[in-house]
Amino acid sequence: MTLGKYAEGQKQYLEGLSRAPDNTHLLTDYATWFLSQYYGLMQGGLGSDAVRNLDSAIVYLKKSFDIDGMDQNTSYKLSVSYLAKGDCPQAWEYFDKCLTLGGRPITKEFSAALKKKCKKRN
């Protein structure tokens, strides 16, 4: 996928998940594949196809998170996904979970975007 071979990457993720369906790293990485498709389709002006990919990313991320709620990468990507979806309460929920776990993957740019788009209620 890093090399831009998205179809080949998807095939490999599906093969891996057929052998280890509860592997949280594969689930989160496959969700990342859907996120990359989402952003690519949004840039291409294909919003409805993009949203289907975003929804699929959330399904795989939630499955991964349900298995291992201590993975910072998964909670961060859930926050990113929910922000893209416009679901501010969920974006903040997973952002806060990621922070509690150490917050390592959170970037300054994402924090600023979340704060700008989603005012936090206390």
PDB file of N, CA and C in Angstrom:
ATOM      1  N   MET A   1       0.834  -1.184   0.000  1.00  0.00           N
ATOM      2  CA  MET A   1       0.000   0.000   0.000  1.00  0.00           C
ATOM      3  C   MET A   1       0.877   1.245   0.000  1.00  0.00           C
ATOM      4  N   THR A   2       1.982   1.213   0.736  1.00  0.00           N
ATOM      5  CA  THR A   2       2.897   2.345   0.794  1.00  0.00           C
ATOM      6  C   THR A   2       3.445   2.681  -0.587  1.00  0.00           C
ATOM      7  N   LEU A   3       3.528   1.686  -1.438  1.00  0.00           N
ATOM      8  CA  LEU A   3       4.050   1.892  -2.788  1.00  0.00           C
ATOM      9  C   LEU A   3       2.969   2.286  -3.787  1.00  0.00           C
ATOM     10  N   GLY A   4       1.742   2.509  -3.289  1.00  0.00           N
ATOM     11  CA  GLY A   4       0.650   2.898  -4.164  1.00  0.00           C
ATOM     12  C   GLY A   4      -0.026   1.722  -4.847  1.00  0.00           C
ATOM     13  N   LYS A   5       0.276   0.522  -4.428  1.00  0.00           N
ATOM     14  CA  LYS A   5      -0.339  -0.685  -5.007  1.00  0.00           C
ATOM     15  C   LYS A   5      -1.530  -1.072  -4.138  1.00  0.00           C
ATOM     16  N   TYR A   6      -2.599  -0.283  -4.257  1.00  0.00           N
ATOM     17  CA  TYR A   6      -3.737  -0.421  -3.353  1.00  0.00           C
ATOM     18  C   TYR A   6      -4.498  -1.732  -3.530  1.00  0.00           C
ATOM     19  N   ALA A   7      -4.698  -2.160  -4.762  1.00  0.00           N
ATOM     20  CA  ALA A   7      -5.430  -3.413  -4.993  1.00  0.00           C
ATOM     21  C   ALA A   7      -4.642  -4.592  -4.422  1.00  0.00           C
ATOM     22  N   GLU A   8      -3.347  -4.578  -4.641  1.00  0.00           N
ATOM     23  CA  GLU A   8      -2.491  -5.643  -4.106  1.00  0.00           C
ATOM     24  C   GLU A   8      -2.478  -5.595  -2.572  1.00  0.00           C
ATOM     25  N   GLY A   9      -2.422  -4.403  -2.033  1.00  0.00           N
ATOM     26  CA  GLY A   9      -2.451  -4.246  -0.576  1.00  0.00           C
ATOM     27  C   GLY A   9      -3.741  -4.772   0.014  1.00  0.00           C
ATOM     28  N   GLN A  10      -4.865  -4.437  -0.607  1.00  0.00           N
ATOM     29  CA  GLN A  10      -6.149  -4.923  -0.105  1.00  0.00           C
ATOM     30  C   GLN A  10      -6.197  -6.446  -0.134  1.00  0.00           C
ATOM     31  N   LYS A  11      -5.719  -7.028  -1.208  1.00  0.00           N
ATOM     32  CA  LYS A  11      -5.704  -8.489  -1.330  1.00  0.00           C
ATOM     33  C   LYS A  11      -4.890  -9.111  -0.196  1.00  0.00           C
ATOM     34  N   GLN A  12      -3.750  -8.525   0.123  1.00  0.00           N
ATOM     35  CA  GLN A  12      -2.906  -9.062   1.189  1.00  0.00           C
ATOM     36  C   GLN A  12      -3.564  -8.891   2.560  1.00  0.00           C
ATOM     37  N   TYR A  13      -4.215  -7.759   2.796  1.00  0.00           N
ATOM     38  CA  TYR A  13      -4.918  -7.576   4.068  1.00  0.00           C
ATOM     39  C   TYR A  13      -6.031  -8.612   4.219  1.00  0.00           C
ATOM     40  N   LEU A  14      -6.792  -8.825   3.157  1.00  0.00           N
ATOM     41  CA  LEU A  14      -7.881  -9.796   3.222  1.00  0.00           C
ATOM     42  C   LEU A  14      -7.357 -11.208   3.445  1.00  0.00           C
ATOM     43  N   GLU A  15      -6.252 -11.530   2.821  1.00  0.00           N
ATOM     44  CA  GLU A  15      -5.646 -12.853   3.031  1.00  0.00           C
ATOM     45  C   GLU A  15      -5.202 -13.001   4.488  1.00  0.00           C
ATOM     46  N   GLY A  16      -4.554 -11.987   5.001  1.00  0.00           N
ATOM     47  CA  GLY A  16      -4.115 -12.032   6.396  1.00  0.00           C
ATOM     48  C   GLY A  16      -5.282 -12.140   7.364  1.00  0.00           C
ATOM     49  N   LEU A  17      -6.338 -11.384   7.109  1.00  0.00           N
ATOM     50  CA  LEU A  17      -7.504 -11.422   7.995  1.00  0.00           C
ATOM     51  C   LEU A  17      -8.265 -12.734   7.885  1.00  0.00           C
ATOM     52  N   SER A  18      -8.176 -13.411   6.741  1.00  0.00           N
ATOM     53  CA  SER A  18      -8.825 -14.721   6.621  1.00  0.00           C
ATOM     54  C   SER A  18      -8.118 -15.744   7.504  1.00  0.00           C
ATOM     55  N   ARG A  19      -6.833 -15.528   7.748  1.00  0.00           N
ATOM     56  CA  ARG A  19      -6.050 -16.443   8.588  1.00  0.00           C
ATOM     57  C   ARG A  19      -6.063 -16.033  10.060  1.00  0.00           C
ATOM     58  N   ALA A  20      -6.169 -14.743  10.299  1.00  0.00           N
ATOM     59  CA  ALA A  20      -6.134 -14.226  11.680  1.00  0.00           C
ATOM     60  C   ALA A  20      -7.154 -13.094  11.811  1.00  0.00           C
ATOM     61  N   PRO A  21      -8.437 -13.431  11.859  1.00  0.00           N
ATOM     62  CA  PRO A  21      -9.479 -12.399  11.827  1.00  0.00           C
ATOM     63  C   PRO A  21      -9.507 -11.476  13.045  1.00  0.00           C
ATOM     64  N   ASP A  22      -8.866 -11.863  14.126  1.00  0.00           N
ATOM     65  CA  ASP A  22      -8.846 -11.027  15.328  1.00  0.00           C
ATOM     66  C   ASP A  22      -7.494 -10.358  15.563  1.00  0.00           C
ATOM     67  N   ASN A  23      -6.662 -10.322  14.536  1.00  0.00           N
ATOM     68  CA  ASN A  23      -5.370  -9.672  14.651  1.00  0.00           C
ATOM     69  C   ASN A  23      -5.589  -8.164  14.601  1.00  0.00           C
ATOM     70  N   THR A  24      -5.408  -7.513  15.728  1.00  0.00           N
ATOM     71  CA  THR A  24      -5.730  -6.087  15.817  1.00  0.00           C
ATOM     72  C   THR A  24      -4.855  -5.222  14.909  1.00  0.00           C
ATOM     73  N   HIS A  25      -3.615  -5.617  14.726  1.00  0.00           N
ATOM     74  CA  HIS A  25      -2.749  -4.814  13.854  1.00  0.00           C
ATOM     75  C   HIS A  25      -3.221  -4.902  12.401  1.00  0.00           C
ATOM     76  N   LEU A  26      -3.618  -6.094  11.974  1.00  0.00           N
ATOM     77  CA  LEU A  26      -4.156  -6.229  10.614  1.00  0.00           C
ATOM     78  C   LEU A  26      -5.472  -5.470  10.466  1.00  0.00           C
ATOM     79  N   LEU A  27      -6.325  -5.555  11.466  1.00  0.00           N
ATOM     80  CA  LEU A  27      -7.605  -4.840  11.410  1.00  0.00           C
ATOM     81  C   LEU A  27      -7.386  -3.336  11.296  1.00  0.00           C
ATOM     82  N   THR A  28      -6.498  -2.808  12.115  1.00  0.00           N
ATOM     83  CA  THR A  28      -6.222  -1.366  12.086  1.00  0.00           C
ATOM     84  C   THR A  28      -5.547  -0.973  10.774  1.00  0.00           C
ATOM     85  N   ASP A  29      -4.631  -1.803  10.296  1.00  0.00           N
ATOM     86  CA  ASP A  29      -3.965  -1.489   9.029  1.00  0.00           C
ATOM     87  C   ASP A  29      -4.929  -1.562   7.850  1.00  0.00           C
ATOM     88  N   TYR A  30      -5.841  -2.520   7.889  1.00  0.00           N
ATOM     89  CA  TYR A  30      -6.831  -2.601   6.812  1.00  0.00           C
ATOM     90  C   TYR A  30      -7.760  -1.388   6.874  1.00  0.00           C
ATOM     91  N   ALA A  31      -8.109  -0.970   8.063  1.00  0.00           N
ATOM     92  CA  ALA A  31      -8.901   0.255   8.207  1.00  0.00           C
ATOM     93  C   ALA A  31      -8.143   1.450   7.631  1.00  0.00           C
ATOM     94  N   THR A  32      -6.833   1.468   7.804  1.00  0.00           N
ATOM     95  CA  THR A  32      -6.005   2.536   7.249  1.00  0.00           C
ATOM     96  C   THR A  32      -6.070   2.513   5.723  1.00  0.00           C
ATOM     97  N   TRP A  33      -6.158   1.315   5.151  1.00  0.00           N
ATOM     98  CA  TRP A  33      -6.332   1.205   3.705  1.00  0.00           C
ATOM     99  C   TRP A  33      -7.620   1.919   3.290  1.00  0.00           C
ATOM    100  N   PHE A  34      -8.709   1.681   4.034  1.00  0.00           N
ATOM    101  CA  PHE A  34      -9.977   2.344   3.729  1.00  0.00           C
ATOM    102  C   PHE A  34      -9.865   3.858   3.908  1.00  0.00           C
ATOM    103  N   LEU A  35      -9.141   4.296   4.916  1.00  0.00           N
ATOM    104  CA  LEU A  35      -8.946   5.743   5.121  1.00  0.00           C
ATOM    105  C   LEU A  35      -8.199   6.363   3.939  1.00  0.00           C
ATOM    106  N   SER A  36      -7.184   5.659   3.453  1.00  0.00           N
ATOM    107  CA  SER A  36      -6.438   6.198   2.305  1.00  0.00           C
ATOM    108  C   SER A  36      -7.347   6.291   1.080  1.00  0.00           C
ATOM    109  N   GLN A  37      -8.223   5.305   0.911  1.00  0.00           N
ATOM    110  CA  GLN A  37      -9.192   5.355  -0.191  1.00  0.00           C
ATOM    111  C   GLN A  37     -10.151   6.532  -0.003  1.00  0.00           C
ATOM    112  N   TYR A  38     -10.596   6.719   1.220  1.00  0.00           N
ATOM    113  CA  TYR A  38     -11.500   7.840   1.532  1.00  0.00           C
ATOM    114  C   TYR A  38     -10.880   9.177   1.107  1.00  0.00           C
ATOM    115  N   TYR A  39      -9.655   9.426   1.570  1.00  0.00           N
ATOM    116  CA  TYR A  39      -9.035  10.712   1.271  1.00  0.00           C
ATOM    117  C   TYR A  39      -8.768  10.871  -0.226  1.00  0.00           C
ATOM    118  N   GLY A  40      -8.372   9.790  -0.904  1.00  0.00           N
ATOM    119  CA  GLY A  40      -8.144   9.854  -2.338  1.00  0.00           C
ATOM    120  C   GLY A  40      -9.424  10.155  -3.107  1.00  0.00           C
ATOM    121  N   LEU A  41     -10.507   9.507  -2.713  1.00  0.00           N
ATOM    122  CA  LEU A  41     -11.789   9.739  -3.379  1.00  0.00           C
ATOM    123  C   LEU A  41     -12.332  11.137  -3.092  1.00  0.00           C
ATOM    124  N   MET A  42     -12.118  11.632  -1.885  1.00  0.00           N
ATOM    125  CA  MET A  42     -12.563  12.991  -1.562  1.00  0.00           C
ATOM    126  C   MET A  42     -11.830  14.005  -2.434  1.00  0.00           C
ATOM    127  N   GLN A  43     -10.540  13.794  -2.612  1.00  0.00           N
ATOM    128  CA  GLN A  43      -9.773  14.712  -3.471  1.00  0.00           C
ATOM    129  C   GLN A  43     -10.244  14.631  -4.912  1.00  0.00           C
ATOM    130  N   GLY A  44     -10.741  13.466  -5.316  1.00  0.00           N
ATOM    131  CA  GLY A  44     -11.233  13.290  -6.674  1.00  0.00           C
ATOM    132  C   GLY A  44     -12.686  13.693  -6.851  1.00  0.00           C
ATOM    133  N   GLY A  45     -13.300  14.210  -5.784  1.00  0.00           N
ATOM    134  CA  GLY A  45     -14.677  14.671  -5.877  1.00  0.00           C
ATOM    135  C   GLY A  45     -15.715  13.562  -5.879  1.00  0.00           C
ATOM    136  N   LEU A  46     -15.362  12.403  -5.370  1.00  0.00           N
ATOM    137  CA  LEU A  46     -16.277  11.260  -5.351  1.00  0.00           C
ATOM    138  C   LEU A  46     -16.762  11.009  -3.924  1.00  0.00           C
ATOM    139  N   GLY A  47     -17.502  11.969  -3.399  1.00  0.00           N
ATOM    140  CA  GLY A  47     -17.909  11.969  -2.003  1.00  0.00           C
ATOM    141  C   GLY A  47     -18.662  10.744  -1.535  1.00  0.00           C
ATOM    142  N   SER A  48     -19.637  10.252  -2.302  1.00  0.00           N
ATOM    143  CA  SER A  48     -20.440   9.124  -1.826  1.00  0.00           C
ATOM    144  C   SER A  48     -19.604   7.849  -1.746  1.00  0.00           C
ATOM    145  N   ASP A  49     -18.720   7.629  -2.715  1.00  0.00           N
ATOM    146  CA  ASP A  49     -17.816   6.481  -2.642  1.00  0.00           C
ATOM    147  C   ASP A  49     -16.845   6.655  -1.485  1.00  0.00           C
ATOM    148  N   ALA A  50     -16.419   7.865  -1.259  1.00  0.00           N
ATOM    149  CA  ALA A  50     -15.488   8.141  -0.171  1.00  0.00           C
ATOM    150  C   ALA A  50     -16.121   7.813   1.173  1.00  0.00           C
ATOM    151  N   VAL A  51     -17.360   8.218   1.374  1.00  0.00           N
ATOM    152  CA  VAL A  51     -18.042   7.995   2.649  1.00  0.00           C
ATOM    153  C   VAL A  51     -18.187   6.501   2.933  1.00  0.00           C
ATOM    154  N   ARG A  52     -18.437   5.704   1.914  1.00  0.00           N
ATOM    155  CA  ARG A  52     -18.517   4.251   2.122  1.00  0.00           C
ATOM    156  C   ARG A  52     -17.186   3.712   2.653  1.00  0.00           C
ATOM    157  N   ASN A  53     -16.090   4.238   2.137  1.00  0.00           N
ATOM    158  CA  ASN A  53     -14.772   3.812   2.611  1.00  0.00           C
ATOM    159  C   ASN A  53     -14.530   4.279   4.038  1.00  0.00           C
ATOM    160  N   LEU A  54     -14.955   5.487   4.358  1.00  0.00           N
ATOM    161  CA  LEU A  54     -14.806   5.986   5.724  1.00  0.00           C
ATOM    162  C   LEU A  54     -15.613   5.125   6.693  1.00  0.00           C
ATOM    163  N   ASP A  55     -16.824   4.779   6.316  1.00  0.00           N
ATOM    164  CA  ASP A  55     -17.646   3.911   7.163  1.00  0.00           C
ATOM    165  C   ASP A  55     -16.998   2.544   7.361  1.00  0.00           C
ATOM    166  N   SER A  56     -16.404   1.992   6.307  1.00  0.00           N
ATOM    167  CA  SER A  56     -15.710   0.710   6.421  1.00  0.00           C
ATOM    168  C   SER A  56     -14.497   0.826   7.339  1.00  0.00           C
ATOM    169  N   ALA A  57     -13.777   1.931   7.241  1.00  0.00           N
ATOM    170  CA  ALA A  57     -12.626   2.141   8.129  1.00  0.00           C
ATOM    171  C   ALA A  57     -13.075   2.105   9.585  1.00  0.00           C
ATOM    172  N   ILE A  58     -14.169   2.765   9.880  1.00  0.00           N
ATOM    173  CA  ILE A  58     -14.672   2.807  11.259  1.00  0.00           C
ATOM    174  C   ILE A  58     -15.071   1.416  11.734  1.00  0.00           C
ATOM    175  N   VAL A  59     -15.688   0.625  10.871  1.00  0.00           N
ATOM    176  CA  VAL A  59     -16.082  -0.744  11.247  1.00  0.00           C
ATOM    177  C   VAL A  59     -14.845  -1.548  11.657  1.00  0.00           C
ATOM    178  N   TYR A  60     -13.805  -1.513  10.848  1.00  0.00           N
ATOM    179  CA  TYR A  60     -12.594  -2.283  11.156  1.00  0.00           C
ATOM    180  C   TYR A  60     -11.857  -1.723  12.367  1.00  0.00           C
ATOM    181  N   LEU A  61     -11.821  -0.408  12.498  1.00  0.00           N
ATOM    182  CA  LEU A  61     -11.166   0.190  13.670  1.00  0.00           C
ATOM    183  C   LEU A  61     -11.905  -0.156  14.954  1.00  0.00           C
ATOM    184  N   LYS A  62     -13.232  -0.115  14.916  1.00  0.00           N
ATOM    185  CA  LYS A  62     -14.003  -0.455  16.120  1.00  0.00           C
ATOM    186  C   LYS A  62     -13.823  -1.920  16.491  1.00  0.00           C
ATOM    187  N   LYS A  63     -13.761  -2.792  15.497  1.00  0.00           N
ATOM    188  CA  LYS A  63     -13.520  -4.202  15.789  1.00  0.00           C
ATOM    189  C   LYS A  63     -12.155  -4.366  16.444  1.00  0.00           C
ATOM    190  N   SER A  64     -11.163  -3.701  15.924  1.00  0.00           N
ATOM    191  CA  SER A  64      -9.823  -3.751  16.499  1.00  0.00           C
ATOM    192  C   SER A  64      -9.823  -3.193  17.917  1.00  0.00           C
ATOM    193  N   PHE A  65     -10.482  -2.059  18.106  1.00  0.00           N
ATOM    194  CA  PHE A  65     -10.526  -1.425  19.422  1.00  0.00           C
ATOM    195  C   PHE A  65     -11.269  -2.294  20.436  1.00  0.00           C
ATOM    196  N   ASP A  66     -12.331  -2.963  19.995  1.00  0.00           N
ATOM    197  CA  ASP A  66     -13.079  -3.844  20.897  1.00  0.00           C
ATOM    198  C   ASP A  66     -12.223  -5.012  21.378  1.00  0.00           C
ATOM    199  N   ILE A  67     -11.289  -5.447  20.550  1.00  0.00           N
ATOM    200  CA  ILE A  67     -10.391  -6.534  20.934  1.00  0.00           C
ATOM    201  C   ILE A  67      -9.272  -6.011  21.832  1.00  0.00           C
ATOM    202  N   ASP A  68      -8.717  -4.859  21.470  1.00  0.00           N
ATOM    203  CA  ASP A  68      -7.609  -4.273  22.241  1.00  0.00           C
ATOM    204  C   ASP A  68      -7.817  -2.766  22.358  1.00  0.00           C
ATOM    205  N   GLY A  69      -8.442  -2.362  23.446  1.00  0.00           N
ATOM    206  CA  GLY A  69      -8.713  -0.948  23.689  1.00  0.00           C
ATOM    207  C   GLY A  69      -7.513  -0.173  24.207  1.00  0.00           C
ATOM    208  N   MET A  70      -6.341  -0.798  24.203  1.00  0.00           N
ATOM    209  CA  MET A  70      -5.136  -0.133  24.709  1.00  0.00           C
ATOM    210  C   MET A  70      -4.187   0.283  23.584  1.00  0.00           C
ATOM    211  N   ASP A  71      -4.606   0.161  22.348  1.00  0.00           N
ATOM    212  CA  ASP A  71      -3.746   0.489  21.219  1.00  0.00           C
ATOM    213  C   ASP A  71      -3.934   1.962  20.843  1.00  0.00           C
ATOM    214  N   GLN A  72      -2.887   2.744  21.048  1.00  0.00           N
ATOM    215  CA  GLN A  72      -2.944   4.183  20.766  1.00  0.00           C
ATOM    216  C   GLN A  72      -3.220   4.464  19.290  1.00  0.00           C
ATOM    217  N   ASN A  73      -2.620   3.692  18.421  1.00  0.00           N
ATOM    218  CA  ASN A  73      -2.785   3.908  16.987  1.00  0.00           C
ATOM    219  C   ASN A  73      -4.248   3.743  16.583  1.00  0.00           C
ATOM    220  N   THR A  74      -4.901   2.718  17.123  1.00  0.00           N
ATOM    221  CA  THR A  74      -6.298   2.471  16.785  1.00  0.00           C
ATOM    222  C   THR A  74      -7.190   3.586  17.322  1.00  0.00           C
ATOM    223  N   SER A  75      -6.978   3.987  18.564  1.00  0.00           N
ATOM    224  CA  SER A  75      -7.823   5.049  19.125  1.00  0.00           C
ATOM    225  C   SER A  75      -7.597   6.368  18.387  1.00  0.00           C
ATOM    226  N   TYR A  76      -6.367   6.646  18.011  1.00  0.00           N
ATOM    227  CA  TYR A  76      -6.075   7.859  17.244  1.00  0.00           C
ATOM    228  C   TYR A  76      -6.797   7.835  15.895  1.00  0.00           C
ATOM    229  N   LYS A  77      -6.711   6.705  15.192  1.00  0.00           N
ATOM    230  CA  LYS A  77      -7.340   6.616  13.881  1.00  0.00           C
ATOM    231  C   LYS A  77      -8.867   6.644  13.986  1.00  0.00           C
ATOM    232  N   LEU A  78      -9.403   6.150  15.079  1.00  0.00           N
ATOM    233  CA  LEU A  78     -10.842   6.308  15.301  1.00  0.00           C
ATOM    234  C   LEU A  78     -11.189   7.779  15.463  1.00  0.00           C
ATOM    235  N   SER A  79     -10.377   8.522  16.189  1.00  0.00           N
ATOM    236  CA  SER A  79     -10.612   9.951  16.348  1.00  0.00           C
ATOM    237  C   SER A  79     -10.544  10.662  14.991  1.00  0.00           C
ATOM    238  N   VAL A  80      -9.539  10.327  14.202  1.00  0.00           N
ATOM    239  CA  VAL A  80      -9.384  10.911  12.870  1.00  0.00           C
ATOM    240  C   VAL A  80     -10.612  10.598  12.012  1.00  0.00           C
ATOM    241  N   SER A  81     -11.056   9.352  12.062  1.00  0.00           N
ATOM    242  CA  SER A  81     -12.194   8.920  11.249  1.00  0.00           C
ATOM    243  C   SER A  81     -13.476   9.636  11.656  1.00  0.00           C
ATOM    244  N   TYR A  82     -13.690   9.732  12.954  1.00  0.00           N
ATOM    245  CA  TYR A  82     -14.911  10.404  13.407  1.00  0.00           C
ATOM    246  C   TYR A  82     -14.868  11.902  13.125  1.00  0.00           C
ATOM    247  N   LEU A  83     -13.694  12.504  13.177  1.00  0.00           N
ATOM    248  CA  LEU A  83     -13.593  13.910  12.798  1.00  0.00           C
ATOM    249  C   LEU A  83     -13.960  14.070  11.323  1.00  0.00           C
ATOM    250  N   ALA A  84     -13.440  13.194  10.480  1.00  0.00           N
ATOM    251  CA  ALA A  84     -13.759  13.252   9.052  1.00  0.00           C
ATOM    252  C   ALA A  84     -15.258  13.071   8.825  1.00  0.00           C
ATOM    253  N   LYS A  85     -15.895  12.267   9.653  1.00  0.00           N
ATOM    254  CA  LYS A  85     -17.326  12.013   9.537  1.00  0.00           C
ATOM    255  C   LYS A  85     -18.155  13.163  10.114  1.00  0.00           C
ATOM    256  N   GLY A  86     -17.506  14.033  10.905  1.00  0.00           N
ATOM    257  CA  GLY A  86     -18.220  15.147  11.524  1.00  0.00           C
ATOM    258  C   GLY A  86     -18.877  14.774  12.841  1.00  0.00           C
ATOM    259  N   ASP A  87     -18.489  13.645  13.411  1.00  0.00           N
ATOM    260  CA  ASP A  87     -19.032  13.180  14.694  1.00  0.00           C
ATOM    261  C   ASP A  87     -18.086  13.631  15.811  1.00  0.00           C
ATOM    262  N   CYS A  88     -18.283  14.868  16.243  1.00  0.00           N
ATOM    263  CA  CYS A  88     -17.381  15.478  17.214  1.00  0.00           C
ATOM    264  C   CYS A  88     -17.323  14.748  18.566  1.00  0.00           C
ATOM    265  N   PRO A  89     -18.453  14.335  19.139  1.00  0.00           N
ATOM    266  CA  PRO A  89     -18.357  13.629  20.427  1.00  0.00           C
ATOM    267  C   PRO A  89     -17.494  12.365  20.350  1.00  0.00           C
ATOM    268  N   GLN A  90     -17.661  11.596  19.265  1.00  0.00           N
ATOM    269  CA  GLN A  90     -16.846  10.384  19.119  1.00  0.00           C
ATOM    270  C   GLN A  90     -15.387  10.738  18.835  1.00  0.00           C
ATOM    271  N   ALA A  91     -15.151  11.776  18.047  1.00  0.00           N
ATOM    272  CA  ALA A  91     -13.775  12.194  17.753  1.00  0.00           C
ATOM    273  C   ALA A  91     -13.056  12.563  19.045  1.00  0.00           C
ATOM    274  N   TRP A  92     -13.733  13.307  19.919  1.00  0.00           N
ATOM    275  CA  TRP A  92     -13.134  13.676  21.202  1.00  0.00           C
ATOM    276  C   TRP A  92     -12.968  12.460  22.118  1.00  0.00           C
ATOM    277  N   GLU A  93     -13.948  11.564  22.112  1.00  0.00           N
ATOM    278  CA  GLU A  93     -13.858  10.389  22.974  1.00  0.00           C
ATOM    279  C   GLU A  93     -12.596   9.575  22.674  1.00  0.00           C
ATOM    280  N   TYR A  94     -12.357   9.291  21.407  1.00  0.00           N
ATOM    281  CA  TYR A  94     -11.188   8.481  21.047  1.00  0.00           C
ATOM    282  C   TYR A  94      -9.896   9.281  21.133  1.00  0.00           C
ATOM    283  N   PHE A  95      -9.960  10.576  20.921  1.00  0.00           N
ATOM    284  CA  PHE A  95      -8.788  11.435  21.122  1.00  0.00           C
ATOM    285  C   PHE A  95      -8.364  11.372  22.592  1.00  0.00           C
ATOM    286  N   ASP A  96      -9.339  11.527  23.485  1.00  0.00           N
ATOM    287  CA  ASP A  96      -9.039  11.479  24.924  1.00  0.00           C
ATOM    288  C   ASP A  96      -8.513  10.116  25.341  1.00  0.00           C
ATOM    289  N   LYS A  97      -9.064   9.036  24.765  1.00  0.00           N
ATOM    290  CA  LYS A  97      -8.559   7.696  25.069  1.00  0.00           C
ATOM    291  C   LYS A  97      -7.118   7.554  24.620  1.00  0.00           C
ATOM    292  N   CYS A  98      -6.816   8.071  23.441  1.00  0.00           N
ATOM    293  CA  CYS A  98      -5.443   8.014  22.942  1.00  0.00           C
ATOM    294  C   CYS A  98      -4.507   8.796  23.852  1.00  0.00           C
ATOM    295  N   LEU A  99      -4.927   9.972  24.287  1.00  0.00           N
ATOM    296  CA  LEU A  99      -4.116  10.760  25.219  1.00  0.00           C
ATOM    297  C   LEU A  99      -3.856  10.007  26.514  1.00  0.00           C
ATOM    298  N   THR A 100      -4.901   9.376  27.038  1.00  0.00           N
ATOM    299  CA  THR A 100      -4.771   8.607  28.273  1.00  0.00           C
ATOM    300  C   THR A 100      -3.750   7.484  28.115  1.00  0.00           C
ATOM    301  N   LEU A 101      -3.680   6.920  26.925  1.00  0.00           N
ATOM    302  CA  LEU A 101      -2.749   5.823  26.657  1.00  0.00           C
ATOM    303  C   LEU A 101      -1.338   6.319  26.338  1.00  0.00           C
ATOM    304  N   GLY A 102      -1.143   7.613  26.257  1.00  0.00           N
ATOM    305  CA  GLY A 102       0.172   8.171  25.976  1.00  0.00           C
ATOM    306  C   GLY A 102       0.177   9.174  24.838  1.00  0.00           C
ATOM    307  N   GLY A 103      -0.787   9.082  23.947  1.00  0.00           N
ATOM    308  CA  GLY A 103      -0.958  10.077  22.883  1.00  0.00           C
ATOM    309  C   GLY A 103       0.127  10.129  21.835  1.00  0.00           C
ATOM    310  N   ARG A 104       0.928   9.105  21.751  1.00  0.00           N
ATOM    311  CA  ARG A 104       2.078   9.128  20.855  1.00  0.00           C
ATOM    312  C   ARG A 104       1.752   9.463  19.400  1.00  0.00           C
ATOM    313  N   PRO A 105       0.707   8.887  18.788  1.00  0.00           N
ATOM    314  CA  PRO A 105       0.508   9.207  17.364  1.00  0.00           C
ATOM    315  C   PRO A 105      -0.155  10.553  17.084  1.00  0.00           C
ATOM    316  N   ILE A 106      -0.639  11.232  18.095  1.00  0.00           N
ATOM    317  CA  ILE A 106      -1.362  12.491  17.879  1.00  0.00           C
ATOM    318  C   ILE A 106      -0.399  13.579  17.416  1.00  0.00           C
ATOM    319  N   THR A 107      -0.761  14.225  16.312  1.00  0.00           N
ATOM    320  CA  THR A 107       0.065  15.318  15.799  1.00  0.00           C
ATOM    321  C   THR A 107      -0.508  16.663  16.250  1.00  0.00           C
ATOM    322  N   LYS A 108       0.328  17.670  16.236  1.00  0.00           N
ATOM    323  CA  LYS A 108      -0.131  19.025  16.560  1.00  0.00           C
ATOM    324  C   LYS A 108      -1.190  19.476  15.559  1.00  0.00           C
ATOM    325  N   GLU A 109      -0.994  19.115  14.304  1.00  0.00           N
ATOM    326  CA  GLU A 109      -1.926  19.519  13.252  1.00  0.00           C
ATOM    327  C   GLU A 109      -3.311  18.907  13.477  1.00  0.00           C
ATOM    328  N   PHE A 110      -3.327  17.623  13.879  1.00  0.00           N
ATOM    329  CA  PHE A 110      -4.617  16.997  14.129  1.00  0.00           C
ATOM    330  C   PHE A 110      -5.287  17.611  15.351  1.00  0.00           C
ATOM    331  N   SER A 111      -4.528  17.836  16.397  1.00  0.00           N
ATOM    332  CA  SER A 111      -5.087  18.462  17.600  1.00  0.00           C
ATOM    333  C   SER A 111      -5.713  19.810  17.260  1.00  0.00           C
ATOM    334  N   ALA A 112      -5.008  20.597  16.463  1.00  0.00           N
ATOM    335  CA  ALA A 112      -5.520  21.915  16.072  1.00  0.00           C
ATOM    336  C   ALA A 112      -6.789  21.783  15.229  1.00  0.00           C
ATOM    337  N   ALA A 113      -6.801  20.833  14.298  1.00  0.00           N
ATOM    338  CA  ALA A 113      -7.982  20.635  13.449  1.00  0.00           C
ATOM    339  C   ALA A 113      -9.186  20.186  14.276  1.00  0.00           C
ATOM    340  N   LEU A 114      -8.958  19.300  15.230  1.00  0.00           N
ATOM    341  CA  LEU A 114     -10.046  18.823  16.076  1.00  0.00           C
ATOM    342  C   LEU A 114     -10.603  19.970  16.915  1.00  0.00           C
ATOM    343  N   LYS A 115      -9.720  20.762  17.511  1.00  0.00           N
ATOM    344  CA  LYS A 115     -10.158  21.881  18.337  1.00  0.00           C
ATOM    345  C   LYS A 115     -10.895  22.937  17.507  1.00  0.00           C
ATOM    346  N   LYS A 116     -10.472  23.123  16.268  1.00  0.00           N
ATOM    347  CA  LYS A 116     -11.102  24.115  15.409  1.00  0.00           C
ATOM    348  C   LYS A 116     -12.481  23.657  14.955  1.00  0.00           C
ATOM    349  N   LYS A 117     -12.597  22.410  14.547  1.00  0.00           N
ATOM    350  CA  LYS A 117     -13.852  21.906  13.994  1.00  0.00           C
ATOM    351  C   LYS A 117     -14.836  21.480  15.091  1.00  0.00           C
ATOM    352  N   CYS A 118     -14.317  21.019  16.206  1.00  0.00           N
ATOM    353  CA  CYS A 118     -15.167  20.435  17.240  1.00  0.00           C
ATOM    354  C   CYS A 118     -14.892  21.086  18.597  1.00  0.00           C
ATOM    355  N   LYS A 119     -15.690  22.027  18.939  1.00  0.00           N
ATOM    356  CA  LYS A 119     -15.554  22.645  20.261  1.00  0.00           C
ATOM    357  C   LYS A 119     -15.872  21.595  21.316  1.00  0.00           C
ATOM    358  N   LYS A 120     -15.006  21.452  22.275  1.00  0.00           N
ATOM    359  CA  LYS A 120     -15.179  20.435  23.309  1.00  0.00           C
ATOM    360  C   LYS A 120     -16.105  20.955  24.392  1.00  0.00           C
ATOM    361  N   ARG A 121     -17.069  20.109  24.738  1.00  0.00           N
ATOM    362  CA  ARG A 121     -17.978  20.438  25.830  1.00  0.00           C
ATOM    363  C   ARG A 121     -17.505  19.743  27.079  1.00  0.00           C
ATOM    364  N   ASN A 122     -17.544  20.451  28.174  1.00  0.00           N
ATOM    365  CA  ASN A 122     -17.136  19.840  29.451  1.00  0.00           C
ATOM    366  C   ASN A 122     -18.331  19.491  30.295  1.00  0.00           C
TER     367      ASN A 122
END
